[in-house]
Amino acid sequence: MICDTDLLVVIVWSEVRFGQCHPWILETFARRIDQRDRHYLLCDCDIPWQPDPLRESADSRPELFELYRQKLDYYELPYTVITGDRETRLARALALF
């Protein structure tokens, strides 16, 4: 199963949007045992940004990418950076599994 949102995303966006994250979210994320069984796909910002009603931060994509990388490293979570055009990204992601 591939999901595009979990508590890690909530942590990053809470810190970006509000300057902090609620302790319950941090504690819940930190104590989840099954997180180590996940493998994160960290998508690079090397393709053009496309606006939609839910997307924002077109100019801060590199900073957001780095925040996600720092969180993944901090929690020692396995991840692979996915780069390239859409077809290449999909092929690289599928090759991991």
C-alpha atoms as a PDB file:
ATOM      1  CA  MET A   1       0.000   0.000   0.000  1.00  0.00           C
ATOM      2  CA  ILE A   2       1.254   3.476  -0.823  1.00  0.00           C
ATOM      3  CA  CYS A   3      -0.066   6.407   1.234  1.00  0.00           C
ATOM      4  CA  ASP A   4       0.809  10.014   0.720  1.00  0.00           C
ATOM      5  CA  THR A   5       0.040  11.255   4.231  1.00  0.00           C
ATOM      6  CA  ASP A   6       0.765  10.053   7.741  1.00  0.00           C
ATOM      7  CA  LEU A   7       1.607  11.731  11.036  1.00  0.00           C
ATOM      8  CA  LEU A   8       5.045  12.688   9.726  1.00  0.00           C
ATOM      9  CA  VAL A   9       3.356  14.967   7.193  1.00  0.00           C
ATOM     10  CA  VAL A  10       1.175  16.417   9.951  1.00  0.00           C
ATOM     11  CA  ILE A  11       4.299  17.092  12.038  1.00  0.00           C
ATOM     12  CA  VAL A  12       6.115  18.899   9.228  1.00  0.00           C
ATOM     13  CA  TRP A  13       3.095  20.977   8.213  1.00  0.00           C
ATOM     14  CA  SER A  14       2.244  21.843  11.808  1.00  0.00           C
ATOM     15  CA  GLU A  15       5.767  23.122  12.343  1.00  0.00           C
ATOM     16  CA  VAL A  16       5.760  25.035   9.052  1.00  0.00           C
ATOM     17  CA  ARG A  17       2.281  26.508   9.442  1.00  0.00           C
ATOM     18  CA  PHE A  18       2.085  27.041  13.225  1.00  0.00           C
ATOM     19  CA  GLY A  19       5.731  27.002  14.322  1.00  0.00           C
ATOM     20  CA  GLN A  20       5.173  23.936  16.500  1.00  0.00           C
ATOM     21  CA  CYS A  21       3.465  20.587  16.598  1.00  0.00           C
ATOM     22  CA  HIS A  22       1.086  19.426  19.297  1.00  0.00           C
ATOM     23  CA  PRO A  23       2.907  17.117  21.763  1.00  0.00           C
ATOM     24  CA  TRP A  24       0.280  14.383  21.347  1.00  0.00           C
ATOM     25  CA  ILE A  25       1.078  14.121  17.631  1.00  0.00           C
ATOM     26  CA  LEU A  26       4.828  13.969  18.289  1.00  0.00           C
ATOM     27  CA  GLU A  27       4.425  11.375  21.049  1.00  0.00           C
ATOM     28  CA  THR A  28       2.045   9.240  19.022  1.00  0.00           C
ATOM     29  CA  PHE A  29       4.337   9.265  16.024  1.00  0.00           C
ATOM     30  CA  ALA A  30       7.441   8.494  18.093  1.00  0.00           C
ATOM     31  CA  ARG A  31       5.939   5.480  19.852  1.00  0.00           C
ATOM     32  CA  ARG A  32       4.382   3.761  16.856  1.00  0.00           C
ATOM     33  CA  ILE A  33       6.166   0.449  16.480  1.00  0.00           C
ATOM     34  CA  ASP A  34       5.174  -0.255  12.888  1.00  0.00           C
ATOM     35  CA  GLN A  35       6.801   2.903  11.518  1.00  0.00           C
ATOM     36  CA  ARG A  36      10.128   1.137  11.195  1.00  0.00           C
ATOM     37  CA  ASP A  37       8.436  -1.294   8.798  1.00  0.00           C
ATOM     38  CA  ARG A  38       7.570   1.543   6.434  1.00  0.00           C
ATOM     39  CA  HIS A  39       9.681   2.802   3.592  1.00  0.00           C
ATOM     40  CA  TYR A  40       9.192   6.441   2.686  1.00  0.00           C
ATOM     41  CA  LEU A  41       9.448   7.810  -0.842  1.00  0.00           C
ATOM     42  CA  LEU A  42      10.796  11.339  -0.576  1.00  0.00           C
ATOM     43  CA  CYS A  43       9.995  13.063  -3.848  1.00  0.00           C
ATOM     44  CA  ASP A  44      12.527  15.636  -4.938  1.00  0.00           C
ATOM     45  CA  CYS A  45      11.392  19.007  -6.235  1.00  0.00           C
ATOM     46  CA  ASP A  46      12.990  18.521  -9.654  1.00  0.00           C
ATOM     47  CA  ILE A  47       9.737  18.615 -11.654  1.00  0.00           C
ATOM     48  CA  PRO A  48       7.661  21.728 -12.305  1.00  0.00           C
ATOM     49  CA  TRP A  49       5.258  22.757  -9.572  1.00  0.00           C
ATOM     50  CA  GLN A  50       1.588  22.426 -10.492  1.00  0.00           C
ATOM     51  CA  PRO A  51      -1.009  24.422  -8.586  1.00  0.00           C
ATOM     52  CA  ASP A  52      -4.212  22.862  -7.353  1.00  0.00           C
ATOM     53  CA  PRO A  53      -6.674  23.817  -4.586  1.00  0.00           C
ATOM     54  CA  LEU A  54      -4.650  21.968  -1.917  1.00  0.00           C
ATOM     55  CA  ARG A  55      -1.100  22.877  -2.911  1.00  0.00           C
ATOM     56  CA  GLU A  56       0.770  25.908  -1.728  1.00  0.00           C
ATOM     57  CA  SER A  57       4.365  26.911  -1.131  1.00  0.00           C
ATOM     58  CA  ALA A  58       5.533  26.868  -4.740  1.00  0.00           C
ATOM     59  CA  ASP A  59       8.597  28.904  -3.785  1.00  0.00           C
ATOM     60  CA  SER A  60       9.601  26.885  -0.713  1.00  0.00           C
ATOM     61  CA  ARG A  61       9.787  23.410  -2.211  1.00  0.00           C
ATOM     62  CA  PRO A  62      13.529  22.961  -1.567  1.00  0.00           C
ATOM     63  CA  GLU A  63      13.101  23.980   2.074  1.00  0.00           C
ATOM     64  CA  LEU A  64      10.157  21.624   2.534  1.00  0.00           C
ATOM     65  CA  PHE A  65      12.086  18.784   0.899  1.00  0.00           C
ATOM     66  CA  GLU A  66      14.929  19.370   3.354  1.00  0.00           C
ATOM     67  CA  LEU A  67      12.541  19.482   6.328  1.00  0.00           C
ATOM     68  CA  TYR A  68      11.136  16.096   5.355  1.00  0.00           C
ATOM     69  CA  ARG A  69      14.634  14.684   4.903  1.00  0.00           C
ATOM     70  CA  GLN A  70      15.655  15.983   8.334  1.00  0.00           C
ATOM     71  CA  LYS A  71      12.596  14.420   9.990  1.00  0.00           C
ATOM     72  CA  LEU A  72      13.194  11.080   8.295  1.00  0.00           C
ATOM     73  CA  ASP A  73      16.824  11.149   9.424  1.00  0.00           C
ATOM     74  CA  TYR A  74      15.889  12.255  12.957  1.00  0.00           C
ATOM     75  CA  TYR A  75      13.445   9.376  13.393  1.00  0.00           C
ATOM     76  CA  GLU A  76      15.852   6.997  11.597  1.00  0.00           C
ATOM     77  CA  LEU A  77      13.192   6.003   9.097  1.00  0.00           C
ATOM     78  CA  PRO A  78      14.089   4.262   5.857  1.00  0.00           C
ATOM     79  CA  TYR A  79      13.525   6.321   2.726  1.00  0.00           C
ATOM     80  CA  THR A  80      14.537   6.704  -0.875  1.00  0.00           C
ATOM     81  CA  VAL A  81      14.718  10.029  -2.691  1.00  0.00           C
ATOM     82  CA  ILE A  82      12.731   9.795  -5.909  1.00  0.00           C
ATOM     83  CA  THR A  83      13.861  12.012  -8.797  1.00  0.00           C
ATOM     84  CA  GLY A  84      13.192  12.404 -12.492  1.00  0.00           C
ATOM     85  CA  ASP A  85      10.117  12.887 -14.618  1.00  0.00           C
ATOM     86  CA  ARG A  86       6.811  11.265 -13.685  1.00  0.00           C
ATOM     87  CA  GLU A  87       7.450   8.022 -15.569  1.00  0.00           C
ATOM     88  CA  THR A  88      10.951   7.685 -14.114  1.00  0.00           C
ATOM     89  CA  ARG A  89       9.658   8.366 -10.611  1.00  0.00           C
ATOM     90  CA  LEU A  90       7.004   5.718 -10.915  1.00  0.00           C
ATOM     91  CA  ALA A  91       9.471   3.161 -12.281  1.00  0.00           C
ATOM     92  CA  ARG A  92      11.961   3.902  -9.478  1.00  0.00           C
ATOM     93  CA  ALA A  93       9.280   3.681  -6.814  1.00  0.00           C
ATOM     94  CA  LEU A  94       7.908   0.392  -8.132  1.00  0.00           C
ATOM     95  CA  ALA A  95      11.405  -1.076  -8.426  1.00  0.00           C
ATOM     96  CA  LEU A  96      11.841  -0.683  -4.669  1.00  0.00           C
ATOM     97  CA  PHE A  97       9.034  -3.091  -3.951  1.00  0.00           C
END
